[in-house]
C-alpha atoms as a PDB file:
ATOM      1  CA  MET A   1       3.324  27.415  -7.767  1.00  0.00           C
ATOM      2  CA  GLU A   2       1.451  25.718  -5.051  1.00  0.00           C
ATOM      3  CA  VAL A   3       2.160  28.475  -2.706  1.00  0.00           C
ATOM      4  CA  ARG A   4       0.740  31.267  -5.039  1.00  0.00           C
ATOM      5  CA  ARG A   5      -2.357  28.995  -5.460  1.00  0.00           C
ATOM      6  CA  ILE A   6      -3.077  28.979  -1.539  1.00  0.00           C
ATOM      7  CA  ILE A   7      -2.303  32.496  -1.194  1.00  0.00           C
ATOM      8  CA  GLU A   8      -4.963  33.067  -3.527  1.00  0.00           C
ATOM      9  CA  GLU A   9      -7.643  31.140  -2.170  1.00  0.00           C
ATOM     10  CA  ILE A  10      -6.842  32.524   1.622  1.00  0.00           C
ATOM     11  CA  ASP A  11      -7.020  35.905  -0.712  1.00  0.00           C
ATOM     12  CA  SER A  12     -10.563  35.489  -1.796  1.00  0.00           C
ATOM     13  CA  GLN A  13     -11.478  33.356   1.457  1.00  0.00           C
ATOM     14  CA  ILE A  14     -10.887  36.740   2.982  1.00  0.00           C
ATOM     15  CA  ALA A  15     -12.690  38.663   0.484  1.00  0.00           C
ATOM     16  CA  ARG A  16     -15.759  36.739   1.147  1.00  0.00           C
ATOM     17  CA  LEU A  17     -15.479  37.387   4.926  1.00  0.00           C
ATOM     18  CA  GLN A  18     -15.227  40.510   4.809  1.00  0.00           C
ATOM     19  CA  ARG A  19     -18.061  41.049   2.474  1.00  0.00           C
ATOM     20  CA  ALA A  20     -20.277  38.819   5.265  1.00  0.00           C
ATOM     21  CA  ARG A  21     -18.555  41.097   7.822  1.00  0.00           C
ATOM     22  CA  ILE A  22     -20.091  44.230   6.171  1.00  0.00           C
ATOM     23  CA  LEU A  23     -23.497  42.597   5.399  1.00  0.00           C
ATOM     24  CA  LEU A  24     -23.659  41.304   9.142  1.00  0.00           C
ATOM     25  CA  ALA A  25     -22.598  45.600  10.118  1.00  0.00           C
ATOM     26  CA  ASP A  26     -24.953  46.951   7.853  1.00  0.00           C
ATOM     27  CA  THR A  27     -28.210  45.347   9.568  1.00  0.00           C
ATOM     28  CA  ASP A  28     -26.815  47.056  12.649  1.00  0.00           C
ATOM     29  CA  ALA A  29     -27.282  50.079  11.625  1.00  0.00           C
ATOM     30  CA  PRO A  30     -30.856  50.693  12.716  1.00  0.00           C
ATOM     31  CA  SER A  31     -30.183  50.759  16.386  1.00  0.00           C
ATOM     32  CA  THR A  32     -29.033  54.167  17.748  1.00  0.00           C
ATOM     33  CA  GLY A  33     -26.160  54.926  20.506  1.00  0.00           C
ATOM     34  CA  SER A  34     -22.610  53.945  21.118  1.00  0.00           C
ATOM     35  CA  ALA A  35     -21.705  50.497  21.645  1.00  0.00           C
ATOM     36  CA  LYS A  36     -21.432  51.051  25.489  1.00  0.00           C
ATOM     37  CA  ALA A  37     -24.740  52.378  25.727  1.00  0.00           C
ATOM     38  CA  ARG A  38     -26.518  49.259  23.836  1.00  0.00           C
ATOM     39  CA  LYS A  39     -24.716  46.987  26.509  1.00  0.00           C
ATOM     40  CA  THR A  40     -25.903  48.751  29.261  1.00  0.00           C
ATOM     41  CA  LYS A  41     -29.421  49.055  28.318  1.00  0.00           C
ATOM     42  CA  THR A  42     -29.349  44.831  27.173  1.00  0.00           C
ATOM     43  CA  ALA A  43     -27.736  44.509  31.088  1.00  0.00           C
ATOM     44  CA  LYS A  44     -30.430  46.309  32.498  1.00  0.00           C
ATOM     45  CA  SER A  45     -33.403  44.795  30.777  1.00  0.00           C
ATOM     46  CA  ALA A  46     -32.095  41.453  31.774  1.00  0.00           C
ATOM     47  CA  SER A  47     -31.463  42.018  35.348  1.00  0.00           C
ATOM     48  CA  LYS A  48     -34.706  43.371  35.018  1.00  0.00           C
ATOM     49  CA  ALA A  49     -36.488  40.413  34.111  1.00  0.00           C
ATOM     50  CA  LYS A  50     -38.686  38.478  36.487  1.00  0.00           C
ATOM     51  CA  LYS A  51     -37.740  34.853  37.341  1.00  0.00           C
ATOM     52  CA  ARG A  52     -41.086  32.312  36.185  1.00  0.00           C
ATOM     53  CA  VAL A  53     -42.237  30.148  38.854  1.00  0.00           C
ATOM     54  CA  LEU A  54     -44.529  27.104  38.691  1.00  0.00           C
ATOM     55  CA  SER A  55     -47.171  26.799  40.312  1.00  0.00           C
ATOM     56  CA  PRO A  56     -47.691  23.635  42.535  1.00  0.00           C
ATOM     57  CA  GLU A  57     -50.181  22.063  40.227  1.00  0.00           C
ATOM     58  CA  ALA A  58     -47.750  22.317  37.245  1.00  0.00           C
ATOM     59  CA  ARG A  59     -44.916  21.304  39.294  1.00  0.00           C
ATOM     60  CA  LYS A  60     -46.833  18.063  39.878  1.00  0.00           C
ATOM     61  CA  ARG A  61     -47.985  17.447  36.283  1.00  0.00           C
ATOM     62  CA  ILE A  62     -44.621  17.595  35.141  1.00  0.00           C
ATOM     63  CA  ALA A  63     -43.279  15.629  38.145  1.00  0.00           C
ATOM     64  CA  ASP A  64     -46.105  12.525  37.213  1.00  0.00           C
ATOM     65  CA  ALA A  65     -45.107  13.063  32.967  1.00  0.00           C
ATOM     66  CA  GLN A  66     -41.316  12.295  34.142  1.00  0.00           C
ATOM     67  CA  LYS A  67     -42.005   9.498  36.384  1.00  0.00           C
ATOM     68  CA  ARG A  68     -44.318   7.832  33.363  1.00  0.00           C
ATOM     69  CA  ARG A  69     -41.508   8.574  31.049  1.00  0.00           C
ATOM     70  CA  TRP A  70     -38.974   6.767  33.510  1.00  0.00           C
ATOM     71  CA  ALA A  71     -41.266   3.835  34.217  1.00  0.00           C
ATOM     72  CA  LYS A  72     -41.855   3.683  30.357  1.00  0.00           C
ATOM     73  CA  SER A  73     -38.157   3.216  29.896  1.00  0.00           C
ATOM     74  CA  ARG A  74     -37.075   0.871  33.027  1.00  0.00           C
ATOM     75  CA  THR A  75     -40.085  -1.531  31.465  1.00  0.00           C
ATOM     76  CA  SER A  76     -38.590  -1.397  27.688  1.00  0.00           C
ATOM     77  CA  LYS A  77     -35.398  -2.111  28.899  1.00  0.00           C
ATOM     78  CA  LYS A  78     -36.212  -5.270  30.880  1.00  0.00           C
ATOM     79  CA  LYS A  79     -38.310  -6.557  27.657  1.00  0.00           C
END
């Protein structure tokens, strides 16, 4: 009897997962082209992304802020 109950629970979980998969697959429907074409487009766009560069002033502001945080944590540990 216990095995039958376990099998029923597994079947219900499988059915639930299949419904979720169908819902998720439907959200991909608007995209056009094959999966291979989508992968190549994504790979090309990722490689074209420019590296973000911080100005020296921005770097200094970030470094100073971090030094203040470190100093604050050091003083709180001494107490």
